[in-house]
Amino acid sequence: MNKLRMSMVLYALAMLCGVAYGGSQDVNSHSFFSIRSPFQSASPERVTLFRDAPLKNCDGYQGGLQAVVFGGKSTNSKALARYFLPFDKDTLIFANDDAPGSLVNGLANPNFRDVNAFFFNIQTVNNDFKSTVKFRPHHSYVGLGLDWKQYVGNCECGPKRWWFEVSFPILHVRNEIKCTETIQNQGITGFGVEGELVPGTELLVNDSVCEAFKGLKPFFDGSGNVVTGSGFKFGKIDGAKSRTGVADIELKVGYDFAQEECYHGDLYVGVVIPTGNKPKGEFVFEPIVGNNRHFALMWGGSFGYELWRSCDDTRDLRFEFEINGRYLFRNTQTRSFDLVDKSWSRYMLVFREFANSQNGTAEEGINVFTQKLHITPRYAQDFNFGLVYDWCDWQAELGYNFWARQSEKAKLKEPFSTTITFPDVSGGTIAQAINRAITIKENFAGAILNIGAGDQALYNLNAWQESDLNLHSAVAPCAISHIVYGSLGRSWDNWCGCWPLFAGIGGSYEFSSVNTAINRWMVWGKVGISI
């Protein structure tokens, strides 16, 4: 019982962390979303029907095998959109400076847009483009989970025994951010000297925001045919992306400290061997198989207790509890980030150095604010509680699963350049001036600094430092999620004369009070055998 008390203490600590975070607001303007990988230790699709399978064939090798086919899809795409977008919105208005609604009674209207469309290389003769864009992220997955648990020793050796377990899922992940755009004012595409259309320049600019996010066109600065930048190399949104692979291998060694008729318990330690893929930063909400390729140490155990049994021994009700904790170690990944207090500043234009401010050669900020980072996920904890009802050869289970994850820590792999500034783009052109106050939404014309050939010291004084970087916008924040589930299965004691067999189906729904964890449903079917 001391082991059970310890588990309850750990659960209480995790709940305190969850309550502290659960009252917070949804996060926004993050560049990377980390999804809890399915078919891990203590997950419902993994543990149901399989807990006692390895012990059912005492005349065999005292092992068990199961194969689980599962799949599911995310829900609540608006909450997920707010995670990626600025200003806690799931729909954004993109507009140039002189778009309809920019003035109210002759005065500047700061609320006529959310994003300056000029940063997305949308330029018109009258600087008047305006559109409304909906972003709707969707996540779906299918997989095959394989699990082998093997006891060491004979049945006659007594209730305490050692065992090992090997498991992994083969996973296909499909992620998509649907970009739906309604253009209120297209304007005349292109830009030239004194507001006249320069023939051919319409081919150098984007006609819409959804087109710009595909990263197809470099930036045209509006003076002759000078092209600056190279188009978006990172942070793109371009239809559905998918990935297939083995989503990490779990290896465990365990020991049964109790194996009685009415209760049982075990403890284990293990490792998680990464076999999935790392984030590359090219696309927003890129599909990831596994835990972002982090190696992990894990530990945990299970406890079960019979609550009731019928007089004829054909029915019983029992409580089952599983716990799994893991610490994920650091690796290096490519991710995008903002500056402090400047949501989506990664999509603004930048001068990389002083010389660029003199010739007006700005470049896309997403290509500068995407770097290799050392990412440390730290600790994650999983608890599963189930009520299991056995009736002859049938078994039904209803349960609840709680999962909590610490916020990742991020650190630059290489030093960040300290001579990066934002150009002034008021009026729809790249000026030979910088503006430290400018945001993705507003120009703040009163903060413009003209930079001449002898003003390098002034330029450097206003350059962004490494301490100004908001690396938190690149990490997966602290998250909690809850799962409610149910399963139904049947067993056969002598399949083909000697092999105990089971089969079953189940379903679950995962949800969270904040948008740092995904909402999704899952269904599964499984078969297993005791060997």
Protein backbone atom coordinates (compact mmCIF):
# COMPACT_ATOMS: atom_id res chain seq x y z
CA MET A 1 0.00 0.00 0.00
CA ASN A 2 2.99 2.34 0.44
CA LYS A 3 3.46 2.22 -3.34
CA LEU A 4 -0.17 3.24 -3.85
CA ARG A 5 0.17 6.15 -1.43
CA MET A 6 3.27 7.32 -3.30
CA SER A 7 1.37 7.19 -6.59
CA MET A 8 -1.46 9.22 -5.08
CA VAL A 9 1.02 11.85 -3.88
CA LEU A 10 2.51 12.12 -7.37
CA TYR A 11 -0.97 12.45 -8.82
CA ALA A 12 -1.83 15.22 -6.35
CA LEU A 13 1.33 17.14 -7.28
CA ALA A 14 0.53 16.85 -10.98
CA MET A 15 -3.03 18.00 -10.33
CA LEU A 16 -1.72 21.07 -8.51
CA CYS A 17 0.39 21.93 -11.55
CA GLY A 18 -2.63 21.36 -13.75
CA VAL A 19 -4.94 23.52 -11.65
CA ALA A 20 -2.38 26.33 -11.60
CA TYR A 21 -2.13 26.28 -15.37
CA GLY A 22 -5.73 25.38 -16.06
CA GLY A 23 -6.96 28.78 -14.99
CA SER A 24 -4.80 30.60 -17.52
CA GLN A 25 -5.80 32.00 -20.90
CA ASP A 26 -5.28 30.38 -24.28
CA VAL A 27 -1.86 31.15 -25.74
CA ASN A 28 -1.33 32.68 -29.17
CA SER A 29 1.35 33.60 -31.72
CA HIS A 30 3.24 30.33 -31.22
CA SER A 31 5.07 28.80 -34.15
CA PHE A 32 5.16 25.13 -33.06
CA PHE A 33 2.53 22.77 -31.65
CA SER A 34 3.49 19.48 -30.03
CA ILE A 35 0.86 16.73 -30.03
CA ARG A 36 0.82 13.90 -27.50
CA SER A 37 1.77 10.73 -29.36
CA PRO A 38 -0.74 7.82 -29.17
CA PHE A 39 -0.09 4.26 -27.95
CA GLN A 40 2.26 5.22 -25.13
CA SER A 41 2.46 3.52 -21.73
CA ALA A 42 -0.66 4.11 -19.60
CA SER A 43 -2.75 5.25 -22.59
CA PRO A 44 -6.25 3.66 -22.83
CA GLU A 45 -5.77 2.15 -26.29
CA ARG A 46 -2.65 0.44 -24.95
CA VAL A 47 -3.75 -0.98 -21.56
CA THR A 48 -7.35 -2.10 -22.11
CA LEU A 49 -7.83 -5.91 -22.31
CA PHE A 50 -4.05 -6.50 -22.12
CA ARG A 51 -3.27 -6.17 -18.40
CA ASP A 52 -3.43 -9.88 -17.50
CA ALA A 53 -3.02 -11.40 -20.97
CA PRO A 54 0.66 -12.44 -20.51
CA LEU A 55 -0.27 -14.61 -17.48
CA LYS A 56 -3.18 -16.51 -18.99
CA ASN A 57 -1.13 -19.25 -20.63
CA CYS A 58 0.72 -20.84 -17.71
CA ASP A 59 1.63 -23.86 -19.82
CA GLY A 60 3.30 -21.65 -22.42
CA TYR A 61 6.00 -19.01 -22.31
CA GLN A 62 4.12 -16.56 -20.02
CA GLY A 63 4.05 -13.80 -22.59
CA GLY A 64 1.50 -11.74 -24.41
CA LEU A 65 1.26 -10.06 -27.80
CA GLN A 66 -1.25 -7.47 -28.95
CA ALA A 67 -1.85 -5.55 -32.17
CA VAL A 68 -3.98 -2.40 -32.07
CA VAL A 69 -5.34 -0.54 -35.08
CA PHE A 70 -6.35 3.00 -34.15
CA GLY A 71 -7.20 6.33 -35.70
CA GLY A 72 -8.71 9.70 -34.92
CA LYS A 73 -9.11 13.35 -35.77
CA SER A 74 -8.87 16.73 -34.03
CA THR A 75 -11.82 18.92 -33.12
CA ASN A 76 -12.17 22.62 -32.13
CA SER A 77 -10.03 24.01 -34.95
CA LYS A 78 -10.76 27.59 -33.85
CA ALA A 79 -8.93 27.11 -30.54
CA LEU A 80 -6.01 25.56 -32.40
CA ALA A 81 -5.98 28.50 -34.85
CA ARG A 82 -5.73 30.96 -31.95
CA TYR A 83 -2.62 29.08 -30.79
CA PHE A 84 -0.81 29.99 -34.02
CA LEU A 85 -2.33 33.41 -34.77
CA PRO A 86 -1.70 36.74 -33.00
CA PHE A 87 -4.11 38.74 -30.82
CA ASP A 88 -6.09 35.67 -29.66
CA LYS A 89 -7.96 35.48 -32.99
CA ASP A 90 -8.79 32.65 -35.39
CA THR A 91 -9.57 35.02 -38.31
CA LEU A 92 -7.36 37.93 -39.39
CA ILE A 93 -7.87 41.04 -41.52
CA PHE A 94 -4.93 41.78 -43.84
CA ALA A 95 -4.82 45.26 -45.38
CA ASN A 96 -2.48 47.84 -46.89
CA ASP A 97 -2.19 51.30 -45.34
CA ASP A 98 -4.79 52.96 -47.58
CA ALA A 99 -7.33 50.14 -47.73
CA PRO A 100 -11.03 50.85 -47.17
CA GLY A 101 -11.67 51.61 -43.51
CA SER A 102 -8.20 52.97 -42.79
CA LEU A 103 -9.74 56.38 -42.00
CA VAL A 104 -12.71 57.26 -39.82
CA ASN A 105 -13.88 60.88 -40.09
CA GLY A 106 -10.55 61.72 -41.65
CA LEU A 107 -8.52 60.23 -38.79
CA ALA A 108 -6.39 57.08 -38.81
CA ASN A 109 -8.32 53.99 -37.69
CA PRO A 110 -5.97 51.57 -35.88
CA ASN A 111 -8.60 48.81 -35.86
CA PHE A 112 -9.16 48.46 -39.59
CA ARG A 113 -6.67 45.58 -39.85
CA ASP A 114 -4.81 42.95 -37.86
CA VAL A 115 -1.84 42.52 -40.21
CA ASN A 116 -0.15 44.88 -42.66
CA ALA A 117 -0.50 43.09 -46.00
CA PHE A 118 2.68 44.80 -47.27
CA PHE A 119 4.76 42.37 -45.17
CA PHE A 120 3.33 39.55 -47.30
CA ASN A 121 4.44 41.21 -50.55
CA ILE A 122 0.92 42.31 -51.46
CA GLN A 123 1.34 45.65 -53.26
CA THR A 124 -1.19 47.56 -55.32
CA VAL A 125 -1.06 50.83 -57.26
CA ASN A 126 -3.23 52.60 -54.65
CA ASN A 127 -1.92 50.67 -51.64
CA ASP A 128 -5.48 49.54 -50.92
CA PHE A 129 -5.63 45.71 -50.72
CA LYS A 130 -7.85 44.23 -47.99
CA SER A 131 -8.99 40.69 -47.19
CA THR A 132 -10.28 38.52 -44.37
CA VAL A 133 -8.53 35.18 -43.87
CA LYS A 134 -9.77 32.22 -41.83
CA PHE A 135 -7.21 29.69 -40.59
CA ARG A 136 -8.54 26.26 -39.62
CA PRO A 137 -5.91 23.69 -38.50
CA HIS A 138 -6.83 20.00 -38.66
CA HIS A 139 -4.96 16.93 -37.42
CA SER A 140 -5.75 13.31 -38.28
CA TYR A 141 -3.89 10.05 -37.77
CA VAL A 142 -4.08 6.29 -38.20
CA GLY A 143 -1.70 3.74 -36.78
CA LEU A 144 -0.83 0.18 -35.84
CA GLY A 145 0.45 -0.40 -32.31
CA LEU A 146 2.47 -3.52 -31.52
CA ASP A 147 3.20 -4.67 -27.95
CA TRP A 148 5.00 -7.69 -26.50
CA LYS A 149 5.21 -8.34 -22.75
CA GLN A 150 7.23 -11.33 -21.54
CA TYR A 151 7.60 -12.75 -18.03
CA VAL A 152 10.85 -14.36 -16.93
CA GLY A 153 10.51 -17.60 -14.94
CA ASN A 154 7.89 -20.35 -14.56
CA CYS A 155 4.39 -20.15 -13.15
CA GLU A 156 5.46 -22.30 -10.21
CA CYS A 157 8.01 -19.68 -9.10
CA GLY A 158 5.45 -17.70 -7.08
CA PRO A 159 3.61 -14.38 -7.44
CA LYS A 160 6.68 -12.08 -7.59
CA ARG A 161 8.43 -12.09 -10.91
CA TRP A 162 10.39 -10.04 -13.44
CA TRP A 163 9.25 -9.13 -16.93
CA PHE A 164 10.20 -6.98 -19.91
CA GLU A 165 8.10 -5.23 -22.54
CA VAL A 166 8.73 -3.89 -26.04
CA SER A 167 6.20 -1.71 -27.86
CA PHE A 168 5.92 0.82 -30.67
CA PRO A 169 3.30 2.30 -32.99
CA ILE A 170 3.60 2.69 -36.74
CA LEU A 171 1.90 6.02 -37.33
CA HIS A 172 0.60 8.04 -40.27
CA VAL A 173 -0.01 11.72 -39.38
CA ARG A 174 -1.74 14.28 -41.59
CA ASN A 175 -1.81 17.98 -40.63
CA GLU A 176 -3.36 20.85 -42.51
CA ILE A 177 -4.10 24.52 -41.91
CA LYS A 178 -6.95 25.41 -44.24
CA CYS A 179 -6.51 28.98 -45.47
CA THR A 180 -9.83 30.50 -46.63
CA GLU A 181 -9.64 34.07 -47.90
CA THR A 182 -12.36 36.57 -48.69
CA ILE A 183 -10.98 39.61 -50.56
CA GLN A 184 -12.88 42.83 -49.87
CA ASN A 185 -10.67 45.01 -52.09
CA GLN A 186 -8.22 43.53 -54.59
CA GLY A 187 -6.81 46.78 -55.99
CA ILE A 188 -4.55 46.91 -59.03
CA THR A 189 -1.68 44.51 -58.45
CA GLY A 190 1.80 45.96 -58.94
CA PHE A 191 3.67 49.05 -57.84
CA GLY A 192 5.84 51.67 -59.45
CA VAL A 193 7.30 55.14 -59.35
CA GLU A 194 4.71 57.81 -58.41
CA GLY A 195 1.99 55.19 -58.02
CA GLU A 196 2.02 54.10 -61.66
CA LEU A 197 1.84 50.44 -62.57
CA VAL A 198 5.15 49.15 -63.84
CA PRO A 199 4.48 46.53 -66.54
CA GLY A 200 5.51 43.09 -65.35
CA THR A 201 5.65 43.96 -61.65
CA GLU A 202 2.34 42.21 -61.08
CA LEU A 203 4.27 38.97 -61.56
CA LEU A 204 6.61 39.84 -58.69
CA VAL A 205 4.00 40.43 -56.00
CA ASN A 206 1.33 38.25 -54.39
CA ASP A 207 -2.35 38.59 -55.23
CA SER A 208 -3.59 37.17 -51.93
CA VAL A 209 -2.51 36.21 -48.42
CA CYS A 210 -3.06 32.48 -48.98
CA GLU A 211 -0.79 32.71 -52.04
CA ALA A 212 1.86 34.57 -50.03
CA PHE A 213 1.92 31.88 -47.33
CA LYS A 214 2.95 29.32 -49.92
CA GLY A 215 6.26 31.18 -50.14
CA LEU A 216 6.34 31.30 -53.93
CA LYS A 217 7.40 34.90 -54.65
CA PRO A 218 10.30 37.02 -53.38
CA PHE A 219 9.75 40.61 -52.27
CA PHE A 220 9.50 43.47 -54.79
CA ASP A 221 10.43 46.81 -53.25
CA GLY A 222 8.54 49.13 -55.60
CA SER A 223 11.44 50.94 -57.30
CA GLY A 224 12.06 49.70 -60.81
CA ASN A 225 12.67 45.97 -60.91
CA VAL A 226 14.72 45.59 -57.72
CA VAL A 227 13.80 42.39 -55.89
CA THR A 228 14.75 41.96 -52.26
CA GLY A 229 14.58 38.85 -50.13
CA SER A 230 13.91 35.35 -51.37
CA GLY A 231 10.32 34.52 -50.45
CA PHE A 232 9.31 32.57 -47.36
CA LYS A 233 11.67 29.67 -46.71
CA PHE A 234 10.00 28.88 -43.37
CA GLY A 235 6.67 29.40 -41.65
CA LYS A 236 4.70 28.49 -44.78
CA ILE A 237 1.10 27.29 -45.06
CA ASP A 238 0.50 25.24 -48.17
CA GLY A 239 -2.17 22.54 -47.97
CA ALA A 240 -2.06 19.18 -46.20
CA LYS A 241 1.23 17.59 -45.20
CA SER A 242 1.68 14.02 -44.00
CA ARG A 243 4.32 11.79 -42.45
CA THR A 244 4.56 8.04 -41.83
CA GLY A 245 6.99 6.21 -39.56
CA VAL A 246 7.66 4.41 -36.29
CA ALA A 247 6.72 6.78 -33.46
CA ASP A 248 9.35 5.82 -30.87
CA ILE A 249 10.17 2.45 -29.32
CA GLU A 250 9.51 1.83 -25.62
CA LEU A 251 11.63 -0.71 -23.73
CA LYS A 252 10.69 -1.57 -20.13
CA VAL A 253 11.90 -3.89 -17.35
CA GLY A 254 9.40 -4.50 -14.56
CA TYR A 255 8.77 -6.39 -11.34
CA ASP A 256 5.47 -7.60 -9.88
CA PHE A 257 5.47 -6.75 -6.18
CA ALA A 258 1.96 -8.26 -5.79
CA GLN A 259 0.06 -10.84 -7.82
CA GLU A 260 -2.81 -12.11 -5.68
CA GLU A 261 -6.30 -13.24 -6.59
CA CYS A 262 -7.97 -9.98 -5.58
CA TYR A 263 -5.19 -7.44 -6.17
CA HIS A 264 -1.97 -6.95 -8.13
CA GLY A 265 0.77 -4.38 -8.54
CA ASP A 266 3.98 -3.80 -10.44
CA LEU A 267 6.74 -1.22 -10.98
CA TYR A 268 9.01 -0.67 -13.97
CA VAL A 269 11.75 1.48 -15.48
CA GLY A 270 12.46 1.94 -19.16
CA VAL A 271 13.72 4.04 -22.04
CA VAL A 272 12.12 5.69 -25.06
CA ILE A 273 14.23 5.29 -28.20
CA PRO A 274 13.38 8.06 -30.70
CA THR A 275 12.58 6.88 -34.22
CA GLY A 276 10.31 9.67 -35.47
CA ASN A 277 11.11 12.99 -37.15
CA LYS A 278 12.25 16.43 -35.96
CA PRO A 279 10.58 19.77 -36.73
CA LYS A 280 12.18 21.56 -39.69
CA GLY A 281 10.24 24.82 -39.50
CA GLU A 282 9.41 24.99 -43.21
CA PHE A 283 5.66 24.66 -42.62
CA VAL A 284 3.42 25.76 -39.78
CA PHE A 285 1.81 22.77 -38.00
CA GLU A 286 4.09 20.29 -39.71
CA PRO A 287 3.28 16.59 -39.15
CA ILE A 288 5.42 14.95 -36.47
CA VAL A 289 5.64 11.21 -35.84
CA GLY A 290 6.55 10.54 -32.21
CA ASN A 291 7.97 12.88 -29.55
CA ASN A 292 10.01 15.20 -31.81
CA ARG A 293 12.88 12.69 -31.72
CA HIS A 294 13.74 13.08 -28.04
CA PHE A 295 15.36 10.27 -26.06
CA ALA A 296 13.62 9.69 -22.71
CA LEU A 297 13.88 7.79 -19.46
CA MET A 298 10.60 6.57 -18.00
CA TRP A 299 9.25 4.88 -14.92
CA GLY A 300 5.87 3.83 -13.63
CA GLY A 301 3.69 1.00 -12.52
CA SER A 302 0.17 -0.30 -12.12
CA PHE A 303 -2.18 -1.38 -9.35
CA GLY A 304 -5.48 -3.25 -9.49
CA TYR A 305 -7.98 -4.17 -6.80
CA GLU A 306 -11.14 -6.28 -6.96
CA LEU A 307 -14.12 -4.33 -5.66
CA TRP A 308 -16.83 -6.99 -6.01
CA ARG A 309 -17.29 -10.60 -7.13
CA SER A 310 -20.49 -12.59 -7.69
CA CYS A 311 -21.17 -15.76 -5.71
CA ASP A 312 -20.87 -17.97 -8.80
CA ASP A 313 -17.52 -16.35 -9.82
CA THR A 314 -18.86 -15.41 -13.26
CA ARG A 315 -18.84 -11.64 -12.70
CA ASP A 316 -16.58 -9.16 -10.96
CA LEU A 317 -15.83 -5.44 -10.82
CA ARG A 318 -12.31 -4.13 -10.30
CA PHE A 319 -10.40 -0.87 -10.22
CA GLU A 320 -7.26 -0.49 -12.35
CA PHE A 321 -4.69 2.29 -12.09
CA GLU A 322 -1.62 2.96 -14.26
CA ILE A 323 1.03 5.66 -13.95
CA ASN A 324 3.81 6.58 -16.37
CA GLY A 325 6.35 9.37 -15.97
CA ARG A 326 9.09 10.28 -18.40
CA TYR A 327 11.88 12.81 -18.71
CA LEU A 328 12.71 13.82 -22.28
CA PHE A 329 16.24 15.02 -22.99
CA ARG A 330 17.52 17.87 -25.14
CA ASN A 331 18.04 17.81 -28.88
CA THR A 332 18.44 20.43 -31.62
CA GLN A 333 15.51 21.52 -33.81
CA THR A 334 14.73 24.27 -36.31
CA ARG A 335 11.98 26.60 -35.10
CA SER A 336 10.71 30.16 -35.63
CA PHE A 337 10.25 32.82 -32.96
CA ASP A 338 9.10 36.42 -32.39
CA LEU A 339 10.50 39.38 -30.56
CA VAL A 340 9.28 40.24 -27.07
CA ASP A 341 5.88 42.02 -27.13
CA LYS A 342 5.71 41.84 -30.94
CA SER A 343 3.32 39.08 -31.96
CA TRP A 344 4.05 37.66 -35.41
CA SER A 345 7.11 39.91 -35.76
CA ARG A 346 8.73 36.90 -37.45
CA TYR A 347 6.66 37.75 -40.55
CA MET A 348 7.81 41.40 -40.71
CA LEU A 349 10.56 42.71 -43.00
CA VAL A 350 14.04 43.26 -41.55
CA PHE A 351 17.34 44.90 -42.38
CA ARG A 352 19.99 42.31 -41.58
CA GLU A 353 22.77 44.93 -41.27
CA PHE A 354 23.53 48.63 -41.68
CA ALA A 355 24.42 48.39 -45.39
CA ASN A 356 20.93 47.04 -46.15
CA SER A 357 19.34 50.15 -44.65
CA GLN A 358 21.30 52.26 -47.14
CA ASN A 359 20.22 50.43 -50.28
CA GLY A 360 16.73 49.38 -49.09
CA THR A 361 17.37 45.65 -49.39
CA ALA A 362 15.11 44.23 -46.71
CA GLU A 363 14.33 40.54 -46.39
CA GLU A 364 11.59 38.40 -44.94
CA GLY A 365 11.87 38.17 -41.17
CA ILE A 366 10.72 34.55 -41.09
CA ASN A 367 13.98 33.59 -42.80
CA VAL A 368 15.98 35.43 -40.13
CA PHE A 369 13.93 34.54 -37.05
CA THR A 370 14.06 30.82 -37.81
CA GLN A 371 17.10 29.28 -36.19
CA LYS A 372 18.42 26.05 -34.74
CA LEU A 373 17.43 25.83 -31.08
CA HIS A 374 18.35 23.47 -28.26
CA ILE A 375 14.96 22.15 -27.10
CA THR A 376 14.48 20.42 -23.72
CA PRO A 377 10.92 19.09 -23.17
CA ARG A 378 11.62 17.98 -19.57
CA TYR A 379 8.92 16.07 -17.67
CA ALA A 380 5.61 14.51 -18.70
CA GLN A 381 3.21 12.46 -16.57
CA ASP A 382 0.33 10.14 -17.47
CA PHE A 383 -2.31 8.58 -15.17
CA ASN A 384 -5.04 6.14 -16.17
CA PHE A 385 -8.00 5.09 -14.02
CA GLY A 386 -10.37 2.33 -15.15
CA LEU A 387 -13.40 0.43 -13.84
CA VAL A 388 -13.36 -3.05 -15.37
CA TYR A 389 -16.42 -5.31 -15.40
CA ASP A 390 -15.88 -8.99 -16.24
CA TRP A 391 -18.81 -11.20 -17.16
CA CYS A 392 -17.90 -14.73 -18.22
CA ASP A 393 -15.76 -14.25 -21.35
CA TRP A 394 -16.71 -10.59 -21.82
CA GLN A 395 -14.97 -7.52 -20.44
CA ALA A 396 -16.15 -3.89 -20.44
CA GLU A 397 -14.19 -0.88 -19.19
CA LEU A 398 -14.95 2.78 -18.53
CA GLY A 399 -12.15 5.11 -17.55
CA TYR A 400 -10.44 8.46 -17.28
CA ASN A 401 -6.91 9.47 -18.26
CA PHE A 402 -4.98 12.52 -17.08
CA TRP A 403 -1.85 13.81 -18.83
CA ALA A 404 0.41 16.75 -17.95
CA ARG A 405 3.53 18.15 -19.64
CA GLN A 406 6.04 20.79 -18.60
CA SER A 407 6.80 23.69 -20.90
CA GLU A 408 9.77 23.13 -23.16
CA LYS A 409 12.94 25.14 -22.63
CA ALA A 410 14.68 26.68 -25.66
CA LYS A 411 18.15 28.08 -26.18
CA LEU A 412 19.85 29.34 -29.33
CA LYS A 413 22.42 26.97 -30.73
CA GLU A 414 24.45 29.82 -32.26
CA PRO A 415 24.73 33.50 -31.19
CA PHE A 416 22.11 35.77 -32.71
CA SER A 417 23.10 38.72 -34.95
CA THR A 418 22.83 42.02 -33.07
CA THR A 419 22.50 44.32 -36.10
CA ILE A 420 18.95 43.46 -37.19
CA THR A 421 16.35 46.27 -37.38
CA PHE A 422 12.88 46.81 -38.83
CA PRO A 423 12.61 49.13 -41.86
CA ASP A 424 9.95 51.81 -42.03
CA VAL A 425 7.28 50.66 -44.51
CA SER A 426 4.69 53.41 -44.04
CA GLY A 427 3.21 54.42 -47.37
CA GLY A 428 3.77 50.98 -48.86
CA THR A 429 7.49 51.31 -49.62
CA ILE A 430 10.73 50.28 -47.94
CA ALA A 431 12.28 53.54 -46.73
CA GLN A 432 15.90 54.33 -45.91
CA ALA A 433 14.79 54.51 -42.30
CA ILE A 434 14.20 52.21 -39.35
CA ASN A 435 11.33 52.00 -36.89
CA ARG A 436 11.81 50.20 -33.60
CA ALA A 437 8.17 50.62 -32.56
CA ILE A 438 6.60 49.18 -35.75
CA THR A 439 4.51 46.01 -35.40
CA ILE A 440 2.85 43.52 -37.73
CA LYS A 441 -0.27 45.72 -37.45
CA GLU A 442 0.73 49.40 -36.99
CA ASN A 443 3.40 51.67 -38.49
CA PHE A 444 3.84 54.13 -35.57
CA ALA A 445 5.12 56.90 -37.83
CA GLY A 446 6.26 58.96 -34.86
CA ALA A 447 9.02 56.42 -34.13
CA ILE A 448 10.77 56.66 -37.54
CA LEU A 449 14.54 57.19 -37.54
CA ASN A 450 16.10 58.27 -40.84
CA ILE A 451 19.43 56.53 -41.31
CA GLY A 452 22.08 58.26 -43.41
CA ALA A 453 25.48 57.06 -44.54
CA GLY A 454 27.12 58.32 -41.36
CA ASP A 455 24.52 57.01 -38.93
CA GLN A 456 25.83 53.50 -38.31
CA ALA A 457 26.20 54.16 -34.58
CA LEU A 458 22.53 55.23 -34.41
CA TYR A 459 21.56 52.15 -36.40
CA ASN A 460 23.49 49.81 -34.08
CA LEU A 461 22.01 51.50 -31.01
CA ASN A 462 18.51 50.60 -32.20
CA ALA A 463 19.34 47.07 -33.39
CA TRP A 464 17.64 44.12 -31.72
CA GLN A 465 19.67 42.17 -29.19
CA GLU A 466 19.54 38.47 -28.33
CA SER A 467 17.81 39.42 -25.06
CA ASP A 468 14.90 40.82 -27.14
CA LEU A 469 14.07 37.44 -28.62
CA ASN A 470 10.89 35.74 -27.43
CA LEU A 471 12.01 32.11 -27.58
CA HIS A 472 8.90 31.11 -25.65
CA SER A 473 6.92 31.68 -28.87
CA ALA A 474 8.88 28.77 -30.39
CA VAL A 475 8.25 26.15 -27.69
CA ALA A 476 5.39 23.86 -26.75
CA PRO A 477 4.01 25.40 -23.52
CA CYS A 478 2.91 23.59 -20.39
CA ALA A 479 -0.16 21.49 -21.20
CA ILE A 480 -2.73 19.25 -19.58
CA SER A 481 -5.38 17.08 -21.19
CA HIS A 482 -8.11 14.69 -20.08
CA ILE A 483 -9.43 11.56 -21.77
CA VAL A 484 -12.68 9.72 -21.16
CA TYR A 485 -12.89 6.29 -22.76
CA GLY A 486 -14.73 3.01 -23.01
CA SER A 487 -13.90 -0.43 -24.37
CA LEU A 488 -15.55 -3.82 -24.88
CA GLY A 489 -13.85 -7.15 -25.56
CA ARG A 490 -14.16 -10.91 -25.49
CA SER A 491 -11.66 -13.65 -24.69
CA TRP A 492 -11.33 -17.28 -25.70
CA ASP A 493 -9.37 -19.59 -23.40
CA ASN A 494 -8.40 -22.23 -25.95
CA TRP A 495 -8.08 -20.87 -29.43
CA CYS A 496 -6.82 -23.65 -31.70
CA GLY A 497 -6.81 -25.91 -28.64
CA CYS A 498 -4.11 -24.17 -26.59
CA TRP A 499 -3.79 -20.39 -27.14
CA PRO A 500 -5.79 -17.88 -25.04
CA LEU A 501 -6.99 -15.14 -27.39
CA PHE A 502 -8.82 -11.83 -26.97
CA ALA A 503 -10.30 -9.16 -29.26
CA GLY A 504 -12.00 -5.87 -28.57
CA ILE A 505 -12.94 -2.37 -29.63
CA GLY A 506 -12.84 0.99 -27.90
CA GLY A 507 -13.12 4.73 -28.23
CA SER A 508 -12.01 7.86 -26.43
CA TYR A 509 -12.25 11.64 -26.46
CA GLU A 510 -9.37 13.88 -25.40
CA PHE A 511 -10.01 17.48 -24.33
CA SER A 512 -8.34 20.38 -22.55
CA SER A 513 -9.42 23.65 -20.94
CA VAL A 514 -6.73 25.57 -22.86
CA ASN A 515 -5.42 25.38 -26.42
CA THR A 516 -1.93 24.07 -25.59
CA ALA A 517 -3.24 20.48 -25.86
CA ILE A 518 -5.30 19.12 -28.71
CA ASN A 519 -8.96 18.09 -28.62
CA ARG A 520 -9.55 14.89 -30.58
CA TRP A 521 -11.44 11.62 -30.77
CA MET A 522 -9.99 8.16 -31.26
CA VAL A 523 -11.36 4.70 -32.04
CA TRP A 524 -9.45 1.43 -31.92
CA GLY A 525 -9.72 -2.29 -32.44
CA LYS A 526 -7.33 -4.84 -31.05
CA VAL A 527 -6.48 -8.53 -31.01
CA GLY A 528 -4.05 -10.29 -28.73
CA ILE A 529 -2.78 -13.68 -27.74
CA SER A 530 -1.17 -15.26 -24.69
CA ILE A 531 1.84 -17.36 -25.64
